[in-house]
Amino acid sequence: MNYHWELLVERGQPATGFVDVFKLIGRGNAIAIIKYLAQHSDPQQRIVLTLLLEGQRKDWTDGMIAGIHEDVENRIRVLELTKFTQFNNLDNLEAYHFYIHSIDGFEYMSHGDISFIP
């Protein structure tokens, strides 16, 4: 691990997917949200990473962000066998980065999937 992280949330089940939420400790304020999407009958493993980085773009170097991505990748590799029911090579990670004024007061609510009404 490149950084120290505090686990804030670890929830989920195969039917709705799983979510892990971490807070960066010590080197800037950041929240990493790893969403393991539900597989249902799809054998592909799909993961979405959302980074909430406190401050402006200039406050975060490319190296810092690469280190965060490496930490996330390590977490996924350790836990993917517990988060997915069908296993293939994980070859894609969708990532979203947001720069925000403050992460103070960040609170996780819930997650799930939605069936659209025809």
PDB file of N, CA and C in Angstrom:
ATOM      1  N   MET A   1       0.834  -1.178   0.000  1.00  0.00           N
ATOM      2  CA  MET A   1       0.000   0.000   0.000  1.00  0.00           C
ATOM      3  C   MET A   1       0.885   1.250   0.000  1.00  0.00           C
ATOM      4  N   ASN A   2       0.483   2.212  -0.785  1.00  0.00           N
ATOM      5  CA  ASN A   2       1.196   3.480  -0.848  1.00  0.00           C
ATOM      6  C   ASN A   2       0.766   4.423   0.262  1.00  0.00           C
ATOM      7  N   TYR A   3      -0.489   4.304   0.693  1.00  0.00           N
ATOM      8  CA  TYR A   3      -1.059   5.220   1.670  1.00  0.00           C
ATOM      9  C   TYR A   3      -1.774   4.427   2.757  1.00  0.00           C
ATOM     10  N   HIS A   4      -2.110   5.117   3.815  1.00  0.00           N
ATOM     11  CA  HIS A   4      -2.908   4.520   4.890  1.00  0.00           C
ATOM     12  C   HIS A   4      -4.359   4.931   4.680  1.00  0.00           C
ATOM     13  N   TRP A   5      -5.270   3.956   4.859  1.00  0.00           N
ATOM     14  CA  TRP A   5      -6.688   4.183   4.611  1.00  0.00           C
ATOM     15  C   TRP A   5      -7.502   3.728   5.810  1.00  0.00           C
ATOM     16  N   GLU A   6      -8.580   4.432   6.077  1.00  0.00           N
ATOM     17  CA  GLU A   6      -9.552   4.023   7.090  1.00  0.00           C
ATOM     18  C   GLU A   6     -10.779   3.490   6.363  1.00  0.00           C
ATOM     19  N   LEU A   7     -11.164   2.258   6.673  1.00  0.00           N
ATOM     20  CA  LEU A   7     -12.365   1.675   6.079  1.00  0.00           C
ATOM     21  C   LEU A   7     -13.590   2.286   6.757  1.00  0.00           C
ATOM     22  N   LEU A   8     -14.430   2.973   5.971  1.00  0.00           N
ATOM     23  CA  LEU A   8     -15.641   3.593   6.500  1.00  0.00           C
ATOM     24  C   LEU A   8     -16.860   2.697   6.321  1.00  0.00           C
ATOM     25  N   VAL A   9     -16.929   2.009   5.174  1.00  0.00           N
ATOM     26  CA  VAL A   9     -18.099   1.196   4.840  1.00  0.00           C
ATOM     27  C   VAL A   9     -17.642  -0.028   4.056  1.00  0.00           C
ATOM     28  N   GLU A  10     -18.215  -1.166   4.380  1.00  0.00           N
ATOM     29  CA  GLU A  10     -18.051  -2.383   3.577  1.00  0.00           C
ATOM     30  C   GLU A  10     -19.391  -3.112   3.635  1.00  0.00           C
ATOM     31  N   ARG A  11     -20.165  -2.987   2.555  1.00  0.00           N
ATOM     32  CA  ARG A  11     -21.514  -3.547   2.535  1.00  0.00           C
ATOM     33  C   ARG A  11     -21.799  -4.213   1.201  1.00  0.00           C
ATOM     34  N   GLY A  12     -22.832  -5.042   1.199  1.00  0.00           N
ATOM     35  CA  GLY A  12     -23.324  -5.571  -0.053  1.00  0.00           C
ATOM     36  C   GLY A  12     -23.671  -7.041  -0.005  1.00  0.00           C
ATOM     37  N   GLN A  13     -24.131  -7.491  -1.158  1.00  0.00           N
ATOM     38  CA  GLN A  13     -24.498  -8.884  -1.373  1.00  0.00           C
ATOM     39  C   GLN A  13     -24.481  -9.121  -2.882  1.00  0.00           C
ATOM     40  N   PRO A  14     -24.397 -10.371  -3.318  1.00  0.00           N
ATOM     41  CA  PRO A  14     -24.303 -10.637  -4.755  1.00  0.00           C
ATOM     42  C   PRO A  14     -25.444 -10.044  -5.582  1.00  0.00           C
ATOM     43  N   ALA A  15     -26.656  -9.984  -5.034  1.00  0.00           N
ATOM     44  CA  ALA A  15     -27.801  -9.504  -5.817  1.00  0.00           C
ATOM     45  C   ALA A  15     -27.739  -8.013  -6.125  1.00  0.00           C
ATOM     46  N   THR A  16     -27.105  -7.222  -5.260  1.00  0.00           N
ATOM     47  CA  THR A  16     -27.054  -5.776  -5.474  1.00  0.00           C
ATOM     48  C   THR A  16     -25.642  -5.245  -5.655  1.00  0.00           C
ATOM     49  N   GLY A  17     -24.669  -6.099  -5.533  1.00  0.00           N
ATOM     50  CA  GLY A  17     -23.284  -5.667  -5.632  1.00  0.00           C
ATOM     51  C   GLY A  17     -22.744  -5.270  -4.268  1.00  0.00           C
ATOM     52  N   PHE A  18     -21.488  -4.892  -4.257  1.00  0.00           N
ATOM     53  CA  PHE A  18     -20.808  -4.542  -3.012  1.00  0.00           C
ATOM     54  C   PHE A  18     -20.225  -3.143  -3.137  1.00  0.00           C
ATOM     55  N   VAL A  19     -20.022  -2.510  -1.995  1.00  0.00           N
ATOM     56  CA  VAL A  19     -19.377  -1.201  -1.987  1.00  0.00           C
ATOM     57  C   VAL A  19     -18.411  -1.147  -0.805  1.00  0.00           C
ATOM     58  N   ASP A  20     -17.222  -0.623  -1.075  1.00  0.00           N
ATOM     59  CA  ASP A  20     -16.224  -0.336  -0.045  1.00  0.00           C
ATOM     60  C   ASP A  20     -15.939   1.154  -0.107  1.00  0.00           C
ATOM     61  N   VAL A  21     -15.926   1.800   1.052  1.00  0.00           N
ATOM     62  CA  VAL A  21     -15.635   3.230   1.113  1.00  0.00           C
ATOM     63  C   VAL A  21     -14.468   3.433   2.078  1.00  0.00           C
ATOM     64  N   PHE A  22     -13.447   4.144   1.598  1.00  0.00           N
ATOM     65  CA  PHE A  22     -12.247   4.399   2.389  1.00  0.00           C
ATOM     66  C   PHE A  22     -11.960   5.887   2.465  1.00  0.00           C
ATOM     67  N   LYS A  23     -11.342   6.283   3.570  1.00  0.00           N
ATOM     68  CA  LYS A  23     -10.873   7.662   3.734  1.00  0.00           C
ATOM     69  C   LYS A  23      -9.352   7.626   3.833  1.00  0.00           C
ATOM     70  N   LEU A  24      -8.712   8.473   3.043  1.00  0.00           N
ATOM     71  CA  LEU A  24      -7.258   8.589   3.062  1.00  0.00           C
ATOM     72  C   LEU A  24      -6.820   9.214   4.379  1.00  0.00           C
ATOM     73  N   ILE A  25      -5.795   8.647   4.985  1.00  0.00           N
ATOM     74  CA  ILE A  25      -5.278   9.144   6.255  1.00  0.00           C
ATOM     75  C   ILE A  25      -3.897   9.749   6.031  1.00  0.00           C
ATOM     76  N   GLY A  26      -3.742  11.021   6.375  1.00  0.00           N
ATOM     77  CA  GLY A  26      -2.424  11.618   6.448  1.00  0.00           C
ATOM     78  C   GLY A  26      -1.896  12.413   5.276  1.00  0.00           C
ATOM     79  N   ARG A  27      -2.224  12.094   4.041  1.00  0.00           N
ATOM     80  CA  ARG A  27      -1.614  12.780   2.892  1.00  0.00           C
ATOM     81  C   ARG A  27      -2.665  13.470   2.056  1.00  0.00           C
ATOM     82  N   GLY A  28      -3.334  14.427   2.601  1.00  0.00           N
ATOM     83  CA  GLY A  28      -4.445  15.063   1.899  1.00  0.00           C
ATOM     84  C   GLY A  28      -5.725  14.346   2.267  1.00  0.00           C
ATOM     85  N   ASN A  29      -6.831  14.973   2.017  1.00  0.00           N
ATOM     86  CA  ASN A  29      -8.118  14.356   2.318  1.00  0.00           C
ATOM     87  C   ASN A  29      -8.737  13.809   1.041  1.00  0.00           C
ATOM     88  N   ALA A  30      -9.110  12.553   1.094  1.00  0.00           N
ATOM     89  CA  ALA A  30      -9.724  11.905  -0.060  1.00  0.00           C
ATOM     90  C   ALA A  30     -10.627  10.782   0.415  1.00  0.00           C
ATOM     91  N   ILE A  31     -11.629  10.502  -0.392  1.00  0.00           N
ATOM     92  CA  ILE A  31     -12.527   9.365  -0.196  1.00  0.00           C
ATOM     93  C   ILE A  31     -12.427   8.509  -1.456  1.00  0.00           C
ATOM     94  N   ALA A  32     -12.252   7.205  -1.278  1.00  0.00           N
ATOM     95  CA  ALA A  32     -12.260   6.261  -2.393  1.00  0.00           C
ATOM     96  C   ALA A  32     -13.475   5.358  -2.228  1.00  0.00           C
ATOM     97  N   ILE A  33     -14.320   5.323  -3.252  1.00  0.00           N
ATOM     98  CA  ILE A  33     -15.519   4.481  -3.241  1.00  0.00           C
ATOM     99  C   ILE A  33     -15.338   3.430  -4.330  1.00  0.00           C
ATOM    100  N   ILE A  34     -15.275   2.172  -3.911  1.00  0.00           N
ATOM    101  CA  ILE A  34     -15.119   1.061  -4.861  1.00  0.00           C
ATOM    102  C   ILE A  34     -16.458   0.352  -4.938  1.00  0.00           C
ATOM    103  N   LYS A  35     -17.077   0.364  -6.099  1.00  0.00           N
ATOM    104  CA  LYS A  35     -18.381  -0.273  -6.303  1.00  0.00           C
ATOM    105  C   LYS A  35     -18.188  -1.488  -7.192  1.00  0.00           C
ATOM    106  N   TYR A  36     -18.455  -2.668  -6.642  1.00  0.00           N
ATOM    107  CA  TYR A  36     -18.416  -3.929  -7.374  1.00  0.00           C
ATOM    108  C   TYR A  36     -19.838  -4.175  -7.872  1.00  0.00           C
ATOM    109  N   LEU A  37     -20.067  -4.020  -9.164  1.00  0.00           N
ATOM    110  CA  LEU A  37     -21.420  -4.146  -9.697  1.00  0.00           C
ATOM    111  C   LEU A  37     -21.895  -5.590  -9.636  1.00  0.00           C
ATOM    112  N   ALA A  38     -23.184  -5.768  -9.414  1.00  0.00           N
ATOM    113  CA  ALA A  38     -23.773  -7.110  -9.375  1.00  0.00           C
ATOM    114  C   ALA A  38     -23.585  -7.795 -10.725  1.00  0.00           C
ATOM    115  N   GLN A  39     -23.312  -9.085 -10.699  1.00  0.00           N
ATOM    116  CA  GLN A  39     -23.073  -9.812 -11.943  1.00  0.00           C
ATOM    117  C   GLN A  39     -24.347 -10.367 -12.559  1.00  0.00           C
ATOM    118  N   HIS A  40     -25.266 -10.814 -11.766  1.00  0.00           N
ATOM    119  CA  HIS A  40     -26.457 -11.516 -12.257  1.00  0.00           C
ATOM    120  C   HIS A  40     -25.990 -12.643 -13.184  1.00  0.00           C
ATOM    121  N   SER A  41     -26.375 -12.663 -14.447  1.00  0.00           N
ATOM    122  CA  SER A  41     -25.925 -13.746 -15.338  1.00  0.00           C
ATOM    123  C   SER A  41     -24.707 -13.351 -16.171  1.00  0.00           C
ATOM    124  N   ASP A  42     -24.207 -12.160 -15.975  1.00  0.00           N
ATOM    125  CA  ASP A  42     -23.063 -11.659 -16.738  1.00  0.00           C
ATOM    126  C   ASP A  42     -21.760 -12.159 -16.107  1.00  0.00           C
ATOM    127  N   PRO A  43     -20.933 -12.871 -16.847  1.00  0.00           N
ATOM    128  CA  PRO A  43     -19.686 -13.367 -16.261  1.00  0.00           C
ATOM    129  C   PRO A  43     -18.610 -12.284 -16.087  1.00  0.00           C
ATOM    130  N   GLN A  44     -18.820 -11.116 -16.676  1.00  0.00           N
ATOM    131  CA  GLN A  44     -17.831 -10.043 -16.557  1.00  0.00           C
ATOM    132  C   GLN A  44     -17.847  -9.435 -15.164  1.00  0.00           C
ATOM    133  N   GLN A  45     -16.671  -9.144 -14.662  1.00  0.00           N
ATOM    134  CA  GLN A  45     -16.538  -8.441 -13.395  1.00  0.00           C
ATOM    135  C   GLN A  45     -16.440  -6.952 -13.716  1.00  0.00           C
ATOM    136  N   ARG A  46     -17.335  -6.180 -13.156  1.00  0.00           N
ATOM    137  CA  ARG A  46     -17.355  -4.742 -13.421  1.00  0.00           C
ATOM    138  C   ARG A  46     -17.215  -3.975 -12.110  1.00  0.00           C
ATOM    139  N   ILE A  47     -16.299  -3.015 -12.139  1.00  0.00           N
ATOM    140  CA  ILE A  47     -16.014  -2.227 -10.944  1.00  0.00           C
ATOM    141  C   ILE A  47     -15.956  -0.756 -11.327  1.00  0.00           C
ATOM    142  N   VAL A  48     -16.521   0.083 -10.471  1.00  0.00           N
ATOM    143  CA  VAL A  48     -16.477   1.528 -10.667  1.00  0.00           C
ATOM    144  C   VAL A  48     -15.781   2.132  -9.452  1.00  0.00           C
ATOM    145  N   LEU A  49     -14.767   2.954  -9.714  1.00  0.00           N
ATOM    146  CA  LEU A  49     -14.061   3.673  -8.664  1.00  0.00           C
ATOM    147  C   LEU A  49     -14.443   5.146  -8.740  1.00  0.00           C
ATOM    148  N   THR A  50     -14.835   5.706  -7.608  1.00  0.00           N
ATOM    149  CA  THR A  50     -15.082   7.143  -7.515  1.00  0.00           C
ATOM    150  C   THR A  50     -14.126   7.708  -6.476  1.00  0.00           C
ATOM    151  N   LEU A  51     -13.328   8.690  -6.895  1.00  0.00           N
ATOM    152  CA  LEU A  51     -12.424   9.375  -5.979  1.00  0.00           C
ATOM    153  C   LEU A  51     -12.932  10.788  -5.727  1.00  0.00           C
ATOM    154  N   LEU A  52     -13.078  11.134  -4.473  1.00  0.00           N
ATOM    155  CA  LEU A  52     -13.413  12.490  -4.069  1.00  0.00           C
ATOM    156  C   LEU A  52     -12.149  13.067  -3.453  1.00  0.00           C
ATOM    157  N   LEU A  53     -11.529  13.999  -4.154  1.00  0.00           N
ATOM    158  CA  LEU A  53     -10.249  14.572  -3.742  1.00  0.00           C
ATOM    159  C   LEU A  53     -10.467  15.999  -3.263  1.00  0.00           C
ATOM    160  N   GLU A  54     -10.113  16.255  -2.014  1.00  0.00           N
ATOM    161  CA  GLU A  54     -10.342  17.576  -1.447  1.00  0.00           C
ATOM    162  C   GLU A  54      -9.313  18.570  -1.991  1.00  0.00           C
ATOM    163  N   GLY A  55      -9.816  19.702  -2.421  1.00  0.00           N
ATOM    164  CA  GLY A  55      -8.946  20.745  -2.933  1.00  0.00           C
ATOM    165  C   GLY A  55      -9.108  20.910  -4.434  1.00  0.00           C
ATOM    166  N   GLN A  56      -8.066  21.446  -5.033  1.00  0.00           N
ATOM    167  CA  GLN A  56      -8.081  21.678  -6.481  1.00  0.00           C
ATOM    168  C   GLN A  56      -7.138  20.706  -7.166  1.00  0.00           C
ATOM    169  N   ARG A  57      -7.232  20.636  -8.494  1.00  0.00           N
ATOM    170  CA  ARG A  57      -6.391  19.723  -9.264  1.00  0.00           C
ATOM    171  C   ARG A  57      -4.910  19.927  -8.952  1.00  0.00           C
ATOM    172  N   LYS A  58      -4.490  21.154  -8.783  1.00  0.00           N
ATOM    173  CA  LYS A  58      -3.074  21.454  -8.533  1.00  0.00           C
ATOM    174  C   LYS A  58      -2.586  20.892  -7.191  1.00  0.00           C
ATOM    175  N   ASP A  59      -3.513  20.540  -6.289  1.00  0.00           N
ATOM    176  CA  ASP A  59      -3.142  19.995  -4.985  1.00  0.00           C
ATOM    177  C   ASP A  59      -2.788  18.514  -5.040  1.00  0.00           C
ATOM    178  N   TRP A  60      -3.082  17.865  -6.164  1.00  0.00           N
ATOM    179  CA  TRP A  60      -2.891  16.423  -6.309  1.00  0.00           C
ATOM    180  C   TRP A  60      -1.985  16.155  -7.508  1.00  0.00           C
ATOM    181  N   THR A  61      -0.830  15.559  -7.255  1.00  0.00           N
ATOM    182  CA  THR A  61       0.088  15.240  -8.348  1.00  0.00           C
ATOM    183  C   THR A  61      -0.380  13.967  -9.053  1.00  0.00           C
ATOM    184  N   ASP A  62       0.104  13.788 -10.274  1.00  0.00           N
ATOM    185  CA  ASP A  62      -0.204  12.547 -10.996  1.00  0.00           C
ATOM    186  C   ASP A  62       0.313  11.336 -10.219  1.00  0.00           C
ATOM    187  N   GLY A  63       1.453  11.480  -9.558  1.00  0.00           N
ATOM    188  CA  GLY A  63       2.014  10.391  -8.764  1.00  0.00           C
ATOM    189  C   GLY A  63       1.136  10.021  -7.583  1.00  0.00           C
ATOM    190  N   MET A  64       0.545  11.027  -6.925  1.00  0.00           N
ATOM    191  CA  MET A  64      -0.349  10.744  -5.802  1.00  0.00           C
ATOM    192  C   MET A  64      -1.579   9.980  -6.281  1.00  0.00           C
ATOM    193  N   ILE A  65      -2.135  10.422  -7.392  1.00  0.00           N
ATOM    194  CA  ILE A  65      -3.330   9.753  -7.926  1.00  0.00           C
ATOM    195  C   ILE A  65      -2.981   8.348  -8.390  1.00  0.00           C
ATOM    196  N   ALA A  66      -1.825   8.168  -9.018  1.00  0.00           N
ATOM    197  CA  ALA A  66      -1.392   6.826  -9.442  1.00  0.00           C
ATOM    198  C   ALA A  66      -1.217   5.919  -8.222  1.00  0.00           C
ATOM    199  N   GLY A  67      -0.688   6.457  -7.118  1.00  0.00           N
ATOM    200  CA  GLY A  67      -0.541   5.678  -5.892  1.00  0.00           C
ATOM    201  C   GLY A  67      -1.880   5.249  -5.324  1.00  0.00           C
ATOM    202  N   ILE A  68      -2.862   6.134  -5.390  1.00  0.00           N
ATOM    203  CA  ILE A  68      -4.213   5.787  -4.937  1.00  0.00           C
ATOM    204  C   ILE A  68      -4.782   4.681  -5.812  1.00  0.00           C
ATOM    205  N   HIS A  69      -4.615   4.809  -7.126  1.00  0.00           N
ATOM    206  CA  HIS A  69      -5.105   3.767  -8.037  1.00  0.00           C
ATOM    207  C   HIS A  69      -4.444   2.424  -7.740  1.00  0.00           C
ATOM    208  N   GLU A  70      -3.159   2.440  -7.446  1.00  0.00           N
ATOM    209  CA  GLU A  70      -2.456   1.197  -7.127  1.00  0.00           C
ATOM    210  C   GLU A  70      -3.002   0.578  -5.847  1.00  0.00           C
ATOM    211  N   ASP A  71      -3.278   1.392  -4.835  1.00  0.00           N
ATOM    212  CA  ASP A  71      -3.880   0.882  -3.596  1.00  0.00           C
ATOM    213  C   ASP A  71      -5.245   0.255  -3.861  1.00  0.00           C
ATOM    214  N   VAL A  72      -6.048   0.919  -4.686  1.00  0.00           N
ATOM    215  CA  VAL A  72      -7.366   0.387  -5.036  1.00  0.00           C
ATOM    216  C   VAL A  72      -7.218  -0.946  -5.765  1.00  0.00           C
ATOM    217  N   GLU A  73      -6.312  -1.010  -6.715  1.00  0.00           N
ATOM    218  CA  GLU A  73      -6.085  -2.247  -7.464  1.00  0.00           C
ATOM    219  C   GLU A  73      -5.679  -3.382  -6.526  1.00  0.00           C
ATOM    220  N   ASN A  74      -4.809  -3.091  -5.563  1.00  0.00           N
ATOM    221  CA  ASN A  74      -4.400  -4.121  -4.600  1.00  0.00           C
ATOM    222  C   ASN A  74      -5.586  -4.602  -3.768  1.00  0.00           C
ATOM    223  N   ARG A  75      -6.430  -3.689  -3.341  1.00  0.00           N
ATOM    224  CA  ARG A  75      -7.627  -4.061  -2.563  1.00  0.00           C
ATOM    225  C   ARG A  75      -8.537  -4.975  -3.385  1.00  0.00           C
ATOM    226  N   ILE A  76      -8.742  -4.613  -4.645  1.00  0.00           N
ATOM    227  CA  ILE A  76      -9.616  -5.397  -5.511  1.00  0.00           C
ATOM    228  C   ILE A  76      -9.052  -6.799  -5.726  1.00  0.00           C
ATOM    229  N   ARG A  77      -7.770  -6.898  -5.997  1.00  0.00           N
ATOM    230  CA  ARG A  77      -7.164  -8.213  -6.248  1.00  0.00           C
ATOM    231  C   ARG A  77      -7.269  -9.132  -5.038  1.00  0.00           C
ATOM    232  N   VAL A  78      -7.166  -8.578  -3.846  1.00  0.00           N
ATOM    233  CA  VAL A  78      -7.271  -9.381  -2.628  1.00  0.00           C
ATOM    234  C   VAL A  78      -8.709  -9.864  -2.408  1.00  0.00           C
ATOM    235  N   LEU A  79      -9.696  -9.021  -2.746  1.00  0.00           N
ATOM    236  CA  LEU A  79     -11.087  -9.322  -2.391  1.00  0.00           C
ATOM    237  C   LEU A  79     -11.989  -9.748  -3.531  1.00  0.00           C
ATOM    238  N   GLU A  80     -11.517  -9.743  -4.772  1.00  0.00           N
ATOM    239  CA  GLU A  80     -12.439 -10.023  -5.874  1.00  0.00           C
ATOM    240  C   GLU A  80     -13.077 -11.406  -5.765  1.00  0.00           C
ATOM    241  N   LEU A  81     -12.407 -12.373  -5.171  1.00  0.00           N
ATOM    242  CA  LEU A  81     -12.994 -13.707  -5.040  1.00  0.00           C
ATOM    243  C   LEU A  81     -14.160 -13.724  -4.053  1.00  0.00           C
ATOM    244  N   THR A  82     -14.223 -12.736  -3.177  1.00  0.00           N
ATOM    245  CA  THR A  82     -15.343 -12.672  -2.229  1.00  0.00           C
ATOM    246  C   THR A  82     -16.463 -11.759  -2.724  1.00  0.00           C
ATOM    247  N   LYS A  83     -16.210 -10.964  -3.753  1.00  0.00           N
ATOM    248  CA  LYS A  83     -17.192  -9.992  -4.233  1.00  0.00           C
ATOM    249  C   LYS A  83     -17.947 -10.467  -5.474  1.00  0.00           C
ATOM    250  N   PHE A  84     -17.408 -11.443  -6.174  1.00  0.00           N
ATOM    251  CA  PHE A  84     -18.025 -11.908  -7.412  1.00  0.00           C
ATOM    252  C   PHE A  84     -18.305 -13.399  -7.333  1.00  0.00           C
ATOM    253  N   THR A  85     -19.346 -13.835  -8.040  1.00  0.00           N
ATOM    254  CA  THR A  85     -19.697 -15.251  -8.048  1.00  0.00           C
ATOM    255  C   THR A  85     -19.146 -15.971  -9.276  1.00  0.00           C
ATOM    256  N   GLN A  86     -18.858 -15.239 -10.339  1.00  0.00           N
ATOM    257  CA  GLN A  86     -18.261 -15.805 -11.545  1.00  0.00           C
ATOM    258  C   GLN A  86     -16.931 -15.090 -11.758  1.00  0.00           C
ATOM    259  N   PHE A  87     -15.894 -15.854 -12.097  1.00  0.00           N
ATOM    260  CA  PHE A  87     -14.563 -15.267 -12.126  1.00  0.00           C
ATOM    261  C   PHE A  87     -13.967 -15.281 -13.524  1.00  0.00           C
ATOM    262  N   ASN A  88     -13.566 -14.132 -13.976  1.00  0.00           N
ATOM    263  CA  ASN A  88     -12.818 -13.935 -15.206  1.00  0.00           C
ATOM    264  C   ASN A  88     -11.707 -12.951 -14.880  1.00  0.00           C
ATOM    265  N   ASN A  89     -10.835 -12.741 -15.828  1.00  0.00           N
ATOM    266  CA  ASN A  89      -9.818 -11.723 -15.612  1.00  0.00           C
ATOM    267  C   ASN A  89     -10.483 -10.359 -15.544  1.00  0.00           C
ATOM    268  N   LEU A  90     -10.167  -9.640 -14.511  1.00  0.00           N
ATOM    269  CA  LEU A  90     -10.666  -8.282 -14.382  1.00  0.00           C
ATOM    270  C   LEU A  90      -9.819  -7.393 -15.282  1.00  0.00           C
ATOM    271  N   ASP A  91     -10.399  -6.922 -16.367  1.00  0.00           N
ATOM    272  CA  ASP A  91      -9.607  -6.163 -17.338  1.00  0.00           C
ATOM    273  C   ASP A  91     -10.068  -4.720 -17.491  1.00  0.00           C
ATOM    274  N   ASN A  92     -11.038  -4.306 -16.685  1.00  0.00           N
ATOM    275  CA  ASN A  92     -11.541  -2.948 -16.833  1.00  0.00           C
ATOM    276  C   ASN A  92     -11.985  -2.398 -15.486  1.00  0.00           C
ATOM    277  N   LEU A  93     -11.601  -1.154 -15.244  1.00  0.00           N
ATOM    278  CA  LEU A  93     -12.036  -0.441 -14.054  1.00  0.00           C
ATOM    279  C   LEU A  93     -12.436   0.944 -14.516  1.00  0.00           C
ATOM    280  N   GLU A  94     -13.693   1.287 -14.301  1.00  0.00           N
ATOM    281  CA  GLU A  94     -14.152   2.638 -14.634  1.00  0.00           C
ATOM    282  C   GLU A  94     -13.831   3.537 -13.463  1.00  0.00           C
ATOM    283  N   ALA A  95     -13.229   4.685 -13.728  1.00  0.00           N
ATOM    284  CA  ALA A  95     -12.840   5.576 -12.637  1.00  0.00           C
ATOM    285  C   ALA A  95     -13.370   6.983 -12.884  1.00  0.00           C
ATOM    286  N   TYR A  96     -13.833   7.602 -11.825  1.00  0.00           N
ATOM    287  CA  TYR A  96     -14.301   8.978 -11.848  1.00  0.00           C
ATOM    288  C   TYR A  96     -13.572   9.737 -10.744  1.00  0.00           C
ATOM    289  N   HIS A  97     -13.016  10.886 -11.082  1.00  0.00           N
ATOM    290  CA  HIS A  97     -12.314  11.725 -10.107  1.00  0.00           C
ATOM    291  C   HIS A  97     -13.053  13.048  -9.978  1.00  0.00           C
ATOM    292  N   PHE A  98     -13.280  13.448  -8.737  1.00  0.00           N
ATOM    293  CA  PHE A  98     -13.928  14.722  -8.469  1.00  0.00           C
ATOM    294  C   PHE A  98     -13.064  15.499  -7.485  1.00  0.00           C
ATOM    295  N   TYR A  99     -12.859  16.770  -7.778  1.00  0.00           N
ATOM    296  CA  TYR A  99     -12.183  17.663  -6.847  1.00  0.00           C
ATOM    297  C   TYR A  99     -13.269  18.465  -6.160  1.00  0.00           C
ATOM    298  N   ILE A 100     -13.276  18.404  -4.823  1.00  0.00           N
ATOM    299  CA  ILE A 100     -14.328  19.076  -4.067  1.00  0.00           C
ATOM    300  C   ILE A 100     -13.697  19.968  -3.007  1.00  0.00           C
ATOM    301  N   HIS A 101     -14.452  20.954  -2.576  1.00  0.00           N
ATOM    302  CA  HIS A 101     -13.957  21.907  -1.592  1.00  0.00           C
ATOM    303  C   HIS A 101     -13.607  21.213  -0.275  1.00  0.00           C
ATOM    304  N   SER A 102     -14.479  20.320   0.202  1.00  0.00           N
ATOM    305  CA  SER A 102     -14.254  19.670   1.490  1.00  0.00           C
ATOM    306  C   SER A 102     -14.960  18.315   1.519  1.00  0.00           C
ATOM    307  N   ILE A 103     -14.302  17.343   2.135  1.00  0.00           N
ATOM    308  CA  ILE A 103     -14.960  16.048   2.336  1.00  0.00           C
ATOM    309  C   ILE A 103     -15.554  15.941   3.736  1.00  0.00           C
ATOM    310  N   ASP A 104     -15.389  16.981   4.529  1.00  0.00           N
ATOM    311  CA  ASP A 104     -15.970  16.966   5.878  1.00  0.00           C
ATOM    312  C   ASP A 104     -17.468  16.719   5.784  1.00  0.00           C
ATOM    313  N   GLY A 105     -17.944  15.854   6.634  1.00  0.00           N
ATOM    314  CA  GLY A 105     -19.367  15.561   6.644  1.00  0.00           C
ATOM    315  C   GLY A 105     -19.779  14.500   5.641  1.00  0.00           C
ATOM    316  N   PHE A 106     -18.809  13.930   4.903  1.00  0.00           N
ATOM    317  CA  PHE A 106     -19.156  12.869   3.952  1.00  0.00           C
ATOM    318  C   PHE A 106     -19.785  11.720   4.711  1.00  0.00           C
ATOM    319  N   GLU A 107     -20.891  11.230   4.183  1.00  0.00           N
ATOM    320  CA  GLU A 107     -21.592  10.122   4.812  1.00  0.00           C
ATOM    321  C   GLU A 107     -22.183   9.233   3.731  1.00  0.00           C
ATOM    322  N   TYR A 108     -21.962   7.947   3.849  1.00  0.00           N
ATOM    323  CA  TYR A 108     -22.498   6.986   2.891  1.00  0.00           C
ATOM    324  C   TYR A 108     -23.949   6.695   3.240  1.00  0.00           C
ATOM    325  N   MET A 109     -24.816   6.639   2.217  1.00  0.00           N
ATOM    326  CA  MET A 109     -26.224   6.358   2.464  1.00  0.00           C
ATOM    327  C   MET A 109     -26.551   4.912   2.127  1.00  0.00           C
ATOM    328  N   SER A 110     -26.577   4.566   0.849  1.00  0.00           N
ATOM    329  CA  SER A 110     -26.923   3.194   0.466  1.00  0.00           C
ATOM    330  C   SER A 110     -26.516   2.955  -0.972  1.00  0.00           C
ATOM    331  N   HIS A 111     -26.732   1.734  -1.432  1.00  0.00           N
ATOM    332  CA  HIS A 111     -26.506   1.391  -2.824  1.00  0.00           C
ATOM    333  C   HIS A 111     -27.503   0.303  -3.204  1.00  0.00           C
ATOM    334  N   GLY A 112     -27.608   0.052  -4.473  1.00  0.00           N
ATOM    335  CA  GLY A 112     -28.497  -1.002  -4.953  1.00  0.00           C
ATOM    336  C   GLY A 112     -28.651  -0.896  -6.446  1.00  0.00           C
ATOM    337  N   ASP A 113     -29.497  -1.727  -6.984  1.00  0.00           N
ATOM    338  CA  ASP A 113     -29.777  -1.614  -8.413  1.00  0.00           C
ATOM    339  C   ASP A 113     -31.261  -1.336  -8.602  1.00  0.00           C
ATOM    340  N   ILE A 114     -31.600  -0.825  -9.759  1.00  0.00           N
ATOM    341  CA  ILE A 114     -32.962  -0.396 -10.028  1.00  0.00           C
ATOM    342  C   ILE A 114     -33.476  -1.105 -11.266  1.00  0.00           C
ATOM    343  N   SER A 115     -34.677  -1.626 -11.183  1.00  0.00           N
ATOM    344  CA  SER A 115     -35.340  -2.177 -12.378  1.00  0.00           C
ATOM    345  C   SER A 115     -36.236  -1.100 -12.934  1.00  0.00           C
ATOM    346  N   PHE A 116     -36.013  -0.750 -14.193  1.00  0.00           N
ATOM    347  CA  PHE A 116     -36.823   0.278 -14.813  1.00  0.00           C
ATOM    348  C   PHE A 116     -38.208  -0.244 -15.145  1.00  0.00           C
ATOM    349  N   ILE A 117     -39.204   0.595 -14.980  1.00  0.00           N
ATOM    350  CA  ILE A 117     -40.581   0.224 -15.277  1.00  0.00           C
ATOM    351  C   ILE A 117     -40.804   0.380 -16.769  1.00  0.00           C
ATOM    352  N   PRO A 118     -41.295  -0.673 -17.444  1.00  0.00           N
ATOM    353  CA  PRO A 118     -41.484  -0.580 -18.902  1.00  0.00           C
ATOM    354  C   PRO A 118     -42.598   0.381 -19.273  1.00  0.00           C
TER     355      PRO A 118
END
